[in-house]
Amino acid sequence: MAGRFLEVRTAAIVAALLDAGATPVDLRNATAFDAGHIPGAVNSVWTAVLGALATTPKSDVILLYGAGGGNADEYAGAFMLEAVGYTKVIYYVGGWANWNVSTE
């Protein structure tokens, strides 16, 4: 745990979170997102993530991810969401790289 938000590292855990209704947020750029993303994901760079989630209740589970490997922008997004009151922020450290390999 890096702050109050949780970190997950495996696609199996992410799949279970998605099945339970988590909102996936892809923090990569639009070109990377268009090339492939976790089903149902919202695309937003971390600096715009609050606007992208404006209608999402702060009690919902938010699953942030990027390319994979622990990018500082992804941590910044998680800290920012917590700072404005999102209470269930989860960061998928494995990101798209792990998901893409695990679900092929």
N, C-alpha and C. Protein backbone atom coordinates (compact mmCIF):
# COMPACT_ATOMS: atom_id res chain seq x y z
N MET A 1 0.85 -1.18 0.00
CA MET A 1 0.00 0.00 0.00
C MET A 1 0.89 1.24 0.00
N ALA A 2 0.64 2.14 -0.93
CA ALA A 2 1.49 3.32 -1.07
C ALA A 2 0.68 4.57 -0.76
N GLY A 3 0.44 4.88 0.41
CA GLY A 3 -0.52 5.92 0.78
C GLY A 3 -1.74 5.17 1.28
N ARG A 4 -2.91 5.74 1.10
CA ARG A 4 -4.11 5.02 1.52
C ARG A 4 -4.65 4.13 0.41
N PHE A 5 -4.34 4.47 -0.83
CA PHE A 5 -4.88 3.64 -1.91
C PHE A 5 -4.17 2.29 -1.95
N LEU A 6 -4.88 1.31 -2.48
CA LEU A 6 -4.34 -0.03 -2.60
C LEU A 6 -3.62 -0.19 -3.92
N GLU A 7 -2.67 -1.12 -3.96
CA GLU A 7 -2.01 -1.50 -5.19
C GLU A 7 -2.34 -2.96 -5.46
N VAL A 8 -2.64 -3.27 -6.72
CA VAL A 8 -2.81 -4.66 -7.14
C VAL A 8 -1.83 -4.91 -8.29
N ARG A 9 -1.45 -6.16 -8.45
CA ARG A 9 -0.41 -6.47 -9.43
C ARG A 9 -0.79 -7.57 -10.42
N THR A 10 -1.94 -8.20 -10.27
CA THR A 10 -2.27 -9.31 -11.17
C THR A 10 -3.59 -9.07 -11.90
N ALA A 11 -3.64 -9.60 -13.11
CA ALA A 11 -4.84 -9.46 -13.92
C ALA A 11 -6.03 -10.19 -13.30
N ALA A 12 -5.78 -11.27 -12.59
CA ALA A 12 -6.88 -12.02 -11.97
C ALA A 12 -7.60 -11.16 -10.93
N ILE A 13 -6.84 -10.43 -10.14
CA ILE A 13 -7.46 -9.54 -9.15
C ILE A 13 -8.21 -8.42 -9.85
N VAL A 14 -7.62 -7.88 -10.89
CA VAL A 14 -8.29 -6.80 -11.64
C VAL A 14 -9.59 -7.32 -12.25
N ALA A 15 -9.57 -8.51 -12.81
CA ALA A 15 -10.79 -9.09 -13.39
C ALA A 15 -11.88 -9.21 -12.34
N ALA A 16 -11.52 -9.64 -11.14
CA ALA A 16 -12.51 -9.76 -10.07
C ALA A 16 -13.06 -8.38 -9.69
N LEU A 17 -12.19 -7.38 -9.63
CA LEU A 17 -12.65 -6.01 -9.33
C LEU A 17 -13.60 -5.50 -10.40
N LEU A 18 -13.27 -5.77 -11.66
CA LEU A 18 -14.14 -5.34 -12.76
C LEU A 18 -15.49 -6.05 -12.68
N ASP A 19 -15.47 -7.35 -12.38
CA ASP A 19 -16.72 -8.10 -12.23
C ASP A 19 -17.58 -7.53 -11.10
N ALA A 20 -16.93 -6.96 -10.10
CA ALA A 20 -17.65 -6.39 -8.96
C ALA A 20 -18.08 -4.93 -9.21
N GLY A 21 -17.76 -4.41 -10.41
CA GLY A 21 -18.24 -3.07 -10.76
C GLY A 21 -17.25 -1.93 -10.68
N ALA A 22 -15.96 -2.23 -10.54
CA ALA A 22 -14.96 -1.17 -10.50
C ALA A 22 -14.95 -0.39 -11.81
N THR A 23 -14.64 0.90 -11.73
CA THR A 23 -14.50 1.75 -12.90
C THR A 23 -13.03 1.83 -13.28
N PRO A 24 -12.64 1.22 -14.43
CA PRO A 24 -11.23 1.30 -14.83
C PRO A 24 -10.93 2.63 -15.52
N VAL A 25 -9.80 3.23 -15.16
CA VAL A 25 -9.37 4.49 -15.74
C VAL A 25 -7.95 4.30 -16.29
N ASP A 26 -7.83 4.43 -17.60
CA ASP A 26 -6.56 4.28 -18.30
C ASP A 26 -5.90 5.65 -18.38
N LEU A 27 -4.74 5.80 -17.75
CA LEU A 27 -4.06 7.09 -17.69
C LEU A 27 -3.03 7.28 -18.80
N ARG A 28 -3.03 6.40 -19.79
CA ARG A 28 -2.12 6.55 -20.92
C ARG A 28 -2.68 7.57 -21.91
N ASN A 29 -1.87 7.95 -22.89
CA ASN A 29 -2.35 8.90 -23.89
C ASN A 29 -3.39 8.24 -24.81
N ALA A 30 -4.10 9.06 -25.56
CA ALA A 30 -5.20 8.57 -26.39
C ALA A 30 -4.73 7.58 -27.45
N THR A 31 -3.55 7.77 -28.00
CA THR A 31 -3.04 6.85 -29.03
C THR A 31 -2.84 5.46 -28.43
N ALA A 32 -2.23 5.39 -27.26
CA ALA A 32 -2.02 4.11 -26.60
C ALA A 32 -3.37 3.47 -26.23
N PHE A 33 -4.30 4.27 -25.72
CA PHE A 33 -5.62 3.78 -25.35
C PHE A 33 -6.33 3.19 -26.57
N ASP A 34 -6.28 3.91 -27.68
CA ASP A 34 -6.95 3.44 -28.90
C ASP A 34 -6.36 2.14 -29.43
N ALA A 35 -5.09 1.89 -29.13
CA ALA A 35 -4.44 0.66 -29.57
C ALA A 35 -4.86 -0.55 -28.73
N GLY A 36 -5.46 -0.30 -27.58
CA GLY A 36 -5.94 -1.37 -26.71
C GLY A 36 -6.05 -0.91 -25.28
N HIS A 37 -7.07 -1.40 -24.59
CA HIS A 37 -7.31 -1.01 -23.20
C HIS A 37 -8.18 -2.05 -22.51
N ILE A 38 -8.24 -1.96 -21.20
CA ILE A 38 -9.11 -2.85 -20.42
C ILE A 38 -10.56 -2.52 -20.77
N PRO A 39 -11.38 -3.53 -21.03
CA PRO A 39 -12.78 -3.27 -21.40
C PRO A 39 -13.49 -2.36 -20.40
N GLY A 40 -14.20 -1.39 -20.94
CA GLY A 40 -14.98 -0.47 -20.12
C GLY A 40 -14.20 0.71 -19.57
N ALA A 41 -12.91 0.79 -19.91
CA ALA A 41 -12.07 1.85 -19.34
C ALA A 41 -12.42 3.22 -19.88
N VAL A 42 -12.25 4.20 -19.00
CA VAL A 42 -12.33 5.63 -19.33
C VAL A 42 -10.88 6.05 -19.58
N ASN A 43 -10.65 6.87 -20.60
CA ASN A 43 -9.30 7.33 -20.90
C ASN A 43 -9.13 8.77 -20.43
N SER A 44 -8.08 9.01 -19.65
CA SER A 44 -7.80 10.36 -19.17
C SER A 44 -6.36 10.45 -18.70
N VAL A 45 -5.66 11.50 -19.07
CA VAL A 45 -4.36 11.74 -18.47
C VAL A 45 -4.61 12.14 -17.03
N TRP A 46 -3.63 11.95 -16.15
CA TRP A 46 -3.86 12.16 -14.72
C TRP A 46 -4.29 13.57 -14.40
N THR A 47 -3.82 14.56 -15.16
CA THR A 47 -4.16 15.94 -14.86
C THR A 47 -5.62 16.27 -15.16
N ALA A 48 -6.29 15.40 -15.91
CA ALA A 48 -7.69 15.63 -16.26
C ALA A 48 -8.63 14.59 -15.66
N VAL A 49 -8.11 13.73 -14.80
CA VAL A 49 -8.90 12.60 -14.30
C VAL A 49 -10.11 13.06 -13.48
N LEU A 50 -10.02 14.17 -12.80
CA LEU A 50 -11.18 14.64 -12.01
C LEU A 50 -12.35 14.97 -12.92
N GLY A 51 -12.08 15.59 -14.05
CA GLY A 51 -13.14 15.89 -15.01
C GLY A 51 -13.72 14.63 -15.62
N ALA A 52 -12.86 13.65 -15.91
CA ALA A 52 -13.32 12.40 -16.52
C ALA A 52 -14.23 11.62 -15.58
N LEU A 53 -14.05 11.81 -14.29
CA LEU A 53 -14.84 11.08 -13.29
C LEU A 53 -15.87 11.97 -12.60
N ALA A 54 -16.17 13.10 -13.17
CA ALA A 54 -17.04 14.09 -12.53
C ALA A 54 -18.39 13.52 -12.10
N THR A 55 -18.94 12.57 -12.86
CA THR A 55 -20.25 12.02 -12.52
C THR A 55 -20.16 10.69 -11.77
N THR A 56 -18.94 10.25 -11.47
CA THR A 56 -18.74 9.00 -10.76
C THR A 56 -18.79 9.24 -9.26
N PRO A 57 -19.65 8.55 -8.55
CA PRO A 57 -19.72 8.74 -7.09
C PRO A 57 -18.37 8.49 -6.42
N LYS A 58 -18.06 9.28 -5.43
CA LYS A 58 -16.77 9.16 -4.74
C LYS A 58 -16.66 7.89 -3.92
N SER A 59 -17.75 7.17 -3.76
CA SER A 59 -17.71 5.90 -3.04
C SER A 59 -17.48 4.70 -3.97
N ASP A 60 -17.49 4.94 -5.29
CA ASP A 60 -17.25 3.85 -6.25
C ASP A 60 -15.79 3.41 -6.21
N VAL A 61 -15.56 2.17 -6.61
CA VAL A 61 -14.18 1.66 -6.74
C VAL A 61 -13.61 2.18 -8.05
N ILE A 62 -12.48 2.88 -7.95
CA ILE A 62 -11.80 3.43 -9.12
C ILE A 62 -10.50 2.66 -9.29
N LEU A 63 -10.32 2.05 -10.46
CA LEU A 63 -9.14 1.26 -10.76
C LEU A 63 -8.27 2.01 -11.77
N LEU A 64 -7.19 2.59 -11.30
CA LEU A 64 -6.28 3.35 -12.17
C LEU A 64 -5.20 2.44 -12.72
N TYR A 65 -4.85 2.66 -13.98
CA TYR A 65 -3.71 1.93 -14.54
C TYR A 65 -3.10 2.74 -15.68
N GLY A 66 -1.87 2.38 -16.00
CA GLY A 66 -1.16 2.99 -17.12
C GLY A 66 -0.50 1.90 -17.94
N ALA A 67 0.65 2.21 -18.47
CA ALA A 67 1.36 1.23 -19.30
C ALA A 67 1.85 0.04 -18.48
N GLY A 68 2.18 0.28 -17.23
CA GLY A 68 2.70 -0.76 -16.35
C GLY A 68 4.07 -0.38 -15.82
N GLY A 69 4.30 -0.69 -14.58
CA GLY A 69 5.61 -0.46 -14.01
C GLY A 69 5.73 0.65 -13.01
N GLY A 70 4.66 1.32 -12.67
CA GLY A 70 4.73 2.32 -11.60
C GLY A 70 5.15 3.70 -12.03
N ASN A 71 4.48 4.27 -13.00
CA ASN A 71 4.76 5.62 -13.48
C ASN A 71 4.33 6.66 -12.45
N ALA A 72 5.10 7.71 -12.31
CA ALA A 72 4.78 8.77 -11.33
C ALA A 72 3.43 9.41 -11.61
N ASP A 73 3.03 9.53 -12.88
CA ASP A 73 1.73 10.12 -13.21
C ASP A 73 0.58 9.29 -12.63
N GLU A 74 0.74 7.99 -12.62
CA GLU A 74 -0.30 7.11 -12.09
C GLU A 74 -0.45 7.28 -10.59
N TYR A 75 0.69 7.39 -9.89
CA TYR A 75 0.63 7.64 -8.46
C TYR A 75 0.02 9.01 -8.18
N ALA A 76 0.38 10.00 -8.99
CA ALA A 76 -0.18 11.35 -8.81
C ALA A 76 -1.69 11.33 -8.98
N GLY A 77 -2.18 10.58 -9.96
CA GLY A 77 -3.62 10.46 -10.16
C GLY A 77 -4.30 9.84 -8.96
N ALA A 78 -3.70 8.81 -8.40
CA ALA A 78 -4.28 8.14 -7.23
C ALA A 78 -4.32 9.08 -6.03
N PHE A 79 -3.22 9.77 -5.79
CA PHE A 79 -3.19 10.71 -4.66
C PHE A 79 -4.19 11.83 -4.85
N MET A 80 -4.32 12.33 -6.09
CA MET A 80 -5.26 13.42 -6.37
C MET A 80 -6.70 12.98 -6.11
N LEU A 81 -7.06 11.79 -6.58
CA LEU A 81 -8.42 11.30 -6.35
C LEU A 81 -8.71 11.17 -4.86
N GLU A 82 -7.77 10.66 -4.12
CA GLU A 82 -7.97 10.55 -2.67
C GLU A 82 -8.10 11.93 -2.03
N ALA A 83 -7.32 12.88 -2.50
CA ALA A 83 -7.33 14.22 -1.91
C ALA A 83 -8.69 14.91 -2.05
N VAL A 84 -9.43 14.56 -3.12
CA VAL A 84 -10.75 15.19 -3.31
C VAL A 84 -11.89 14.31 -2.81
N GLY A 85 -11.56 13.20 -2.14
CA GLY A 85 -12.60 12.44 -1.46
C GLY A 85 -12.96 11.08 -2.02
N TYR A 86 -12.31 10.62 -3.09
CA TYR A 86 -12.58 9.25 -3.55
C TYR A 86 -12.02 8.31 -2.49
N THR A 87 -12.83 7.36 -2.05
CA THR A 87 -12.46 6.53 -0.90
C THR A 87 -12.00 5.12 -1.26
N LYS A 88 -12.18 4.73 -2.52
CA LYS A 88 -11.82 3.37 -2.93
C LYS A 88 -10.99 3.41 -4.21
N VAL A 89 -9.79 3.95 -4.09
CA VAL A 89 -8.88 4.07 -5.23
C VAL A 89 -7.92 2.90 -5.20
N ILE A 90 -7.81 2.22 -6.33
CA ILE A 90 -6.91 1.07 -6.46
C ILE A 90 -6.02 1.31 -7.67
N TYR A 91 -4.73 1.09 -7.50
CA TYR A 91 -3.77 1.29 -8.58
C TYR A 91 -3.27 -0.06 -9.06
N TYR A 92 -3.46 -0.35 -10.34
CA TYR A 92 -3.01 -1.59 -10.96
C TYR A 92 -1.59 -1.37 -11.46
N VAL A 93 -0.62 -1.78 -10.67
CA VAL A 93 0.78 -1.55 -10.97
C VAL A 93 1.19 -2.24 -12.27
N GLY A 94 0.67 -3.44 -12.52
CA GLY A 94 1.01 -4.16 -13.75
C GLY A 94 0.54 -3.47 -15.01
N GLY A 95 -0.54 -2.72 -14.89
CA GLY A 95 -1.06 -1.91 -15.99
C GLY A 95 -1.39 -2.69 -17.25
N TRP A 96 -1.45 -1.94 -18.35
CA TRP A 96 -1.83 -2.52 -19.63
C TRP A 96 -0.89 -3.65 -20.03
N ALA A 97 0.40 -3.52 -19.79
CA ALA A 97 1.36 -4.57 -20.19
C ALA A 97 1.00 -5.90 -19.54
N ASN A 98 0.68 -5.89 -18.26
CA ASN A 98 0.32 -7.12 -17.55
C ASN A 98 -1.02 -7.64 -18.01
N TRP A 99 -2.00 -6.76 -18.14
CA TRP A 99 -3.33 -7.16 -18.57
C TRP A 99 -3.29 -7.77 -19.96
N ASN A 100 -2.60 -7.12 -20.88
CA ASN A 100 -2.55 -7.57 -22.27
C ASN A 100 -1.91 -8.96 -22.38
N VAL A 101 -0.86 -9.21 -21.64
CA VAL A 101 -0.20 -10.52 -21.66
C VAL A 101 -1.06 -11.57 -20.96
N SER A 102 -1.69 -11.20 -19.87
CA SER A 102 -2.45 -12.15 -19.05
C SER A 102 -3.78 -12.56 -19.66
N THR A 103 -4.32 -11.75 -20.56
CA THR A 103 -5.65 -12.04 -21.09
C THR A 103 -5.63 -12.46 -22.55
N GLU A 104 -4.45 -12.68 -23.12
CA GLU A 104 -4.38 -13.11 -24.52
C GLU A 104 -4.88 -14.52 -24.71
